[in-house]
């Protein structure tokens, strides 16, 4: 017998009709699960997802196949993905976790400015936040399988930035409210802009700086308009691979165990891929004439002082175990 789930949904006024999570005939003995992603083919998160799919099919002896849909081809936008998996509109998704804060405010913890300073910090933070992530996943009828960070957010400018004084009055593009508060506290003049408006604003001189990752700096060929890249790493959010619990529970116990083993085995490889992408893009920026600098210890103290009130506001707003989680994380990092 062939069973197929047909989901019809409307997102932002656009009707989307898709066939998801097809469980094929007994003769085939295969479950095909669609995975929604908004990132384009070629992005390392998508490359990792394809690798995960290959290993899942091998580990389950062909019983489970993951079908990766990159570039938003299923008509689902980033902030909709956790809800869409919860409701069974798609059985799986890989999503930027900080985009899901409208549904679960705790998931904004990775966007707190300068809470993590590098990928090592991010790994420690994940150890402390993962039990709460798992609780939230269960609340939203799903299971988080693994997480992989994006490169840290740096600052691109036309001059060296070695202290907060160097940011005073600089009109800088930020990505969210936390970023705007953070850079305001550092003396800059932040402006939230979507990516599509960044290059025209830089070319016109309306912007004097941009906070974004090394990857975006390469994508935008920032060396044509700016000269310096300061590796703040003031924010390092992650993508999370998630699966609907109804779809998960339809799998055999052996296949579920195999998928969990693959996720645990590949996650370190995926983190290494993220670090390599950041290193390669930083090298590309330097090879095109940009001056790349790291944050010194005294500047780090200024950055942390600017971030701490935002951490406390998060704790006050989210409540629960958030304060203890952050305290335990800071203790482990020696801060």
Foldseek 3Di string as FASTA:
>chain_A
DWDWDWDWDADPNRTFTDIAFTCGDVVQLAIEFEEEEQAAPPPLVLVLVVVLQVQLCVLVVNNYGYHYDYNCPRVDDQCCVLLCCLVVVGFKYKHFQCSPCVPPVVSVPLFQFQLDQAVVLVVLLCVLCVVVVQVVQVVSQKGWQAKAKAAFKWKFFADDDAALVVQAAAEEEDDDPNRCLLNVLSRHHYDHDPPVCVVVCLVVVVHGMYIGALVVCVVSVCLVRHAEIESRSGGMTIIIMMGRNVSLVVDDPSSNVSSSVSSVVCRVVSNVVNVVVRVVSVVVSVVSRHHYHYHDPVRSVSSVVSRVVVLVVSCVVNPDCSVVSSVVSCVVVVD
